[in-house]
Amino acid sequence: MKYSLRSLMIVIALLSIAFAYVGSYVRRSSVGMYKPAVWGADGVKWYDWAPDGFVNGYHWNAATWRFYYPLWRMDRRFWHQPLHGGEETPYPIDKP
């Protein structure tokens, strides 16, 4: 089956966009840290992984979070699970 130059260019463009999307998340995640996710009467209940730019102060940036949501969910499930209580981790934690 012969592919036209146009269809090859479309495939290359789509792969480039996907690579840029994933790569930008990986860069943000590499400098991220655990941030407070749920607060209670006696302080922080648990921490969630927050790549760079996801949290300003202690407020989550909804636009950035929604844009990267599929990658953030995979990252949370397979790499940076939420921290509950006094769990230990080799990654930085922003403790208020």
N, C-alpha and C. Protein backbone atom coordinates (compact mmCIF):
# COMPACT_ATOMS: atom_id res chain seq x y z
N MET A 1 0.83 -1.17 0.00
CA MET A 1 0.00 0.00 0.00
C MET A 1 0.89 1.24 0.00
N LYS A 2 0.63 2.13 -0.90
CA LYS A 2 1.46 3.32 -1.04
C LYS A 2 0.83 4.49 -0.27
N TYR A 3 1.64 5.15 0.53
CA TYR A 3 1.18 6.31 1.27
C TYR A 3 1.60 7.57 0.56
N SER A 4 0.73 8.55 0.57
CA SER A 4 1.06 9.82 -0.06
C SER A 4 1.92 10.65 0.90
N LEU A 5 2.58 11.62 0.37
CA LEU A 5 3.41 12.52 1.17
C LEU A 5 2.55 13.27 2.18
N ARG A 6 1.35 13.62 1.79
CA ARG A 6 0.46 14.35 2.68
C ARG A 6 0.09 13.52 3.91
N SER A 7 -0.26 12.26 3.73
CA SER A 7 -0.62 11.43 4.87
C SER A 7 0.60 11.18 5.77
N LEU A 8 1.77 11.07 5.18
CA LEU A 8 2.99 10.92 5.97
C LEU A 8 3.25 12.17 6.81
N MET A 9 3.03 13.33 6.24
CA MET A 9 3.22 14.59 6.96
C MET A 9 2.21 14.71 8.11
N ILE A 10 0.99 14.25 7.91
CA ILE A 10 -0.03 14.30 8.95
C ILE A 10 0.38 13.39 10.12
N VAL A 11 0.85 12.21 9.80
CA VAL A 11 1.29 11.28 10.84
C VAL A 11 2.46 11.88 11.62
N ILE A 12 3.41 12.46 10.93
CA ILE A 12 4.56 13.08 11.60
C ILE A 12 4.11 14.23 12.48
N ALA A 13 3.18 15.05 12.00
CA ALA A 13 2.68 16.17 12.79
C ALA A 13 1.97 15.68 14.05
N LEU A 14 1.13 14.67 13.93
CA LEU A 14 0.42 14.14 15.09
C LEU A 14 1.38 13.53 16.11
N LEU A 15 2.37 12.81 15.63
CA LEU A 15 3.37 12.24 16.54
C LEU A 15 4.18 13.33 17.23
N SER A 16 4.48 14.40 16.52
CA SER A 16 5.22 15.52 17.10
C SER A 16 4.41 16.19 18.20
N ILE A 17 3.11 16.40 17.96
CA ILE A 17 2.25 17.00 18.97
C ILE A 17 2.16 16.11 20.21
N ALA A 18 1.99 14.81 20.01
CA ALA A 18 1.91 13.88 21.14
C ALA A 18 3.22 13.86 21.92
N PHE A 19 4.34 13.86 21.22
CA PHE A 19 5.65 13.87 21.87
C PHE A 19 5.84 15.15 22.68
N ALA A 20 5.45 16.29 22.13
CA ALA A 20 5.58 17.57 22.83
C ALA A 20 4.69 17.60 24.09
N TYR A 21 3.47 17.08 23.98
CA TYR A 21 2.53 17.05 25.11
C TYR A 21 3.09 16.20 26.25
N VAL A 22 3.50 14.99 25.93
CA VAL A 22 4.05 14.09 26.95
C VAL A 22 5.36 14.64 27.50
N GLY A 23 6.21 15.13 26.62
CA GLY A 23 7.49 15.68 27.06
C GLY A 23 7.35 16.87 27.98
N SER A 24 6.38 17.74 27.71
CA SER A 24 6.19 18.91 28.58
C SER A 24 5.69 18.47 29.96
N TYR A 25 4.86 17.43 30.01
CA TYR A 25 4.42 16.92 31.31
C TYR A 25 5.60 16.29 32.07
N VAL A 26 6.40 15.51 31.39
CA VAL A 26 7.55 14.86 32.04
C VAL A 26 8.50 15.90 32.61
N ARG A 27 8.74 16.99 31.86
CA ARG A 27 9.60 18.06 32.37
C ARG A 27 8.99 18.68 33.63
N ARG A 28 7.69 18.96 33.60
CA ARG A 28 7.02 19.54 34.77
C ARG A 28 7.07 18.58 35.96
N SER A 29 6.83 17.30 35.72
CA SER A 29 6.81 16.32 36.79
C SER A 29 8.19 16.10 37.40
N SER A 30 9.23 16.25 36.59
CA SER A 30 10.58 16.02 37.10
C SER A 30 10.99 17.06 38.15
N VAL A 31 10.35 18.21 38.17
CA VAL A 31 10.65 19.23 39.18
C VAL A 31 9.45 19.47 40.09
N GLY A 32 8.51 18.52 40.14
CA GLY A 32 7.33 18.65 40.98
C GLY A 32 7.60 18.25 42.42
N MET A 33 6.56 18.34 43.23
CA MET A 33 6.65 17.95 44.63
C MET A 33 5.25 17.61 45.14
N TYR A 34 5.21 16.95 46.29
CA TYR A 34 3.93 16.66 46.92
C TYR A 34 3.40 17.92 47.57
N LYS A 35 2.13 18.23 47.30
CA LYS A 35 1.47 19.41 47.87
C LYS A 35 0.24 18.96 48.64
N PRO A 36 -0.19 19.72 49.65
CA PRO A 36 -1.40 19.37 50.39
C PRO A 36 -2.60 19.28 49.46
N ALA A 37 -3.38 18.21 49.56
CA ALA A 37 -4.56 18.02 48.73
C ALA A 37 -5.84 18.11 49.55
N VAL A 38 -5.82 17.56 50.77
CA VAL A 38 -7.00 17.59 51.63
C VAL A 38 -6.57 18.07 53.01
N TRP A 39 -7.28 19.10 53.49
CA TRP A 39 -7.00 19.67 54.80
C TRP A 39 -8.10 19.25 55.76
N GLY A 40 -7.73 19.07 57.03
CA GLY A 40 -8.69 18.76 58.07
C GLY A 40 -8.51 19.72 59.23
N ALA A 41 -9.24 19.49 60.31
CA ALA A 41 -9.18 20.36 61.48
C ALA A 41 -7.79 20.36 62.11
N ASP A 42 -7.08 19.25 62.01
CA ASP A 42 -5.76 19.15 62.63
C ASP A 42 -4.62 19.20 61.60
N GLY A 43 -4.88 19.75 60.43
CA GLY A 43 -3.82 19.92 59.43
C GLY A 43 -4.09 19.15 58.15
N VAL A 44 -3.01 18.82 57.46
CA VAL A 44 -3.11 18.15 56.16
C VAL A 44 -3.46 16.68 56.36
N LYS A 45 -4.46 16.21 55.63
CA LYS A 45 -4.87 14.80 55.68
C LYS A 45 -4.08 13.96 54.69
N TRP A 46 -3.88 14.48 53.45
CA TRP A 46 -3.03 13.80 52.50
C TRP A 46 -2.47 14.76 51.48
N TYR A 47 -1.40 14.28 50.84
CA TYR A 47 -0.68 15.05 49.83
C TYR A 47 -0.84 14.38 48.48
N ASP A 48 -0.93 15.21 47.44
CA ASP A 48 -0.97 14.71 46.06
C ASP A 48 0.24 15.24 45.30
N TRP A 49 0.64 14.49 44.28
CA TRP A 49 1.75 14.90 43.44
C TRP A 49 1.34 16.11 42.61
N ALA A 50 2.17 17.13 42.61
CA ALA A 50 1.89 18.35 41.86
C ALA A 50 3.10 18.71 41.01
N PRO A 51 3.06 18.42 39.72
CA PRO A 51 4.13 18.86 38.84
C PRO A 51 4.23 20.39 38.85
N ASP A 52 5.34 20.90 38.40
CA ASP A 52 5.58 22.34 38.35
C ASP A 52 4.44 23.05 37.62
N GLY A 53 3.90 24.10 38.23
CA GLY A 53 2.84 24.88 37.63
C GLY A 53 1.43 24.41 37.95
N PHE A 54 1.30 23.29 38.64
CA PHE A 54 -0.03 22.77 38.98
C PHE A 54 -0.61 23.47 40.20
N VAL A 55 0.25 23.98 41.08
CA VAL A 55 -0.21 24.61 42.32
C VAL A 55 0.47 25.97 42.47
N ASN A 56 -0.34 26.97 42.80
CA ASN A 56 0.16 28.31 43.10
C ASN A 56 -0.18 28.59 44.56
N GLY A 57 0.84 28.70 45.41
CA GLY A 57 0.59 28.78 46.84
C GLY A 57 0.08 27.42 47.28
N TYR A 58 -1.16 27.36 47.75
CA TYR A 58 -1.79 26.09 48.06
C TYR A 58 -3.09 25.93 47.29
N HIS A 59 -3.20 26.62 46.17
CA HIS A 59 -4.38 26.53 45.31
C HIS A 59 -4.00 25.86 43.99
N TRP A 60 -4.72 24.81 43.65
CA TRP A 60 -4.45 24.08 42.42
C TRP A 60 -4.88 24.91 41.22
N ASN A 61 -4.04 24.96 40.19
CA ASN A 61 -4.33 25.67 38.95
C ASN A 61 -5.22 24.76 38.09
N ALA A 62 -6.51 25.07 38.04
CA ALA A 62 -7.48 24.20 37.39
C ALA A 62 -7.22 24.03 35.89
N ALA A 63 -6.82 25.09 35.20
CA ALA A 63 -6.60 25.00 33.76
C ALA A 63 -5.44 24.06 33.42
N THR A 64 -4.33 24.21 34.13
CA THR A 64 -3.18 23.34 33.89
C THR A 64 -3.50 21.91 34.27
N TRP A 65 -4.18 21.73 35.40
CA TRP A 65 -4.54 20.40 35.86
C TRP A 65 -5.45 19.69 34.85
N ARG A 66 -6.43 20.40 34.31
CA ARG A 66 -7.34 19.79 33.32
C ARG A 66 -6.61 19.44 32.02
N PHE A 67 -5.70 20.30 31.59
CA PHE A 67 -4.97 20.06 30.35
C PHE A 67 -4.15 18.77 30.42
N TYR A 68 -3.50 18.56 31.56
CA TYR A 68 -2.63 17.39 31.73
C TYR A 68 -3.30 16.25 32.48
N TYR A 69 -4.60 16.31 32.72
CA TYR A 69 -5.28 15.34 33.57
C TYR A 69 -4.99 13.88 33.21
N PRO A 70 -5.07 13.46 31.94
CA PRO A 70 -4.80 12.04 31.65
C PRO A 70 -3.39 11.60 32.06
N LEU A 71 -2.40 12.45 31.82
CA LEU A 71 -1.02 12.09 32.19
C LEU A 71 -0.84 12.14 33.71
N TRP A 72 -1.46 13.12 34.35
CA TRP A 72 -1.37 13.24 35.80
C TRP A 72 -1.98 12.02 36.48
N ARG A 73 -3.12 11.53 35.97
CA ARG A 73 -3.75 10.34 36.54
C ARG A 73 -2.84 9.12 36.39
N MET A 74 -2.23 8.94 35.24
CA MET A 74 -1.30 7.82 35.05
C MET A 74 -0.10 7.96 35.97
N ASP A 75 0.43 9.17 36.08
CA ASP A 75 1.57 9.42 36.96
C ASP A 75 1.21 9.08 38.41
N ARG A 76 0.04 9.52 38.86
CA ARG A 76 -0.43 9.24 40.21
C ARG A 76 -0.65 7.76 40.45
N ARG A 77 -1.13 7.07 39.46
CA ARG A 77 -1.42 5.63 39.64
C ARG A 77 -0.15 4.78 39.65
N PHE A 78 0.78 5.07 38.75
CA PHE A 78 1.93 4.20 38.58
C PHE A 78 3.22 4.70 39.22
N TRP A 79 3.34 6.00 39.51
CA TRP A 79 4.62 6.50 39.98
C TRP A 79 4.50 7.26 41.30
N HIS A 80 3.75 8.33 41.34
CA HIS A 80 3.65 9.20 42.52
C HIS A 80 2.27 9.04 43.18
N GLN A 81 2.09 7.96 43.92
CA GLN A 81 0.81 7.72 44.60
C GLN A 81 0.60 8.78 45.69
N PRO A 82 -0.68 9.10 46.00
CA PRO A 82 -0.95 10.05 47.08
C PRO A 82 -0.37 9.56 48.40
N LEU A 83 0.03 10.51 49.23
CA LEU A 83 0.59 10.18 50.55
C LEU A 83 -0.47 10.46 51.61
N HIS A 84 -0.75 9.46 52.42
CA HIS A 84 -1.71 9.58 53.51
C HIS A 84 -0.95 9.46 54.83
N GLY A 85 -1.13 10.44 55.68
CA GLY A 85 -0.48 10.37 56.99
C GLY A 85 1.01 10.61 56.92
N GLY A 86 1.78 9.81 57.65
CA GLY A 86 3.21 10.02 57.78
C GLY A 86 4.06 9.14 56.88
N GLU A 87 3.58 8.83 55.68
CA GLU A 87 4.35 7.98 54.78
C GLU A 87 5.67 8.65 54.38
N GLU A 88 6.66 7.83 54.13
CA GLU A 88 7.96 8.32 53.69
C GLU A 88 8.06 8.25 52.17
N THR A 89 8.77 9.18 51.58
CA THR A 89 8.98 9.21 50.14
C THR A 89 10.31 9.88 49.83
N PRO A 90 10.96 9.49 48.75
CA PRO A 90 12.21 10.15 48.38
C PRO A 90 11.98 11.49 47.67
N TYR A 91 10.72 11.84 47.41
CA TYR A 91 10.39 13.07 46.69
C TYR A 91 10.08 14.19 47.66
N PRO A 92 10.30 15.44 47.25
CA PRO A 92 10.05 16.57 48.15
C PRO A 92 8.57 16.72 48.50
N ILE A 93 8.33 17.17 49.74
CA ILE A 93 6.97 17.41 50.23
C ILE A 93 6.90 18.85 50.73
N ASP A 94 5.90 19.58 50.30
CA ASP A 94 5.68 20.95 50.75
C ASP A 94 4.79 20.91 51.98
N LYS A 95 5.43 20.94 53.16
CA LYS A 95 4.66 20.87 54.40
C LYS A 95 4.43 22.29 54.91
N PRO A 96 3.14 22.66 55.10
CA PRO A 96 2.84 24.01 55.58
C PRO A 96 3.22 24.20 57.04
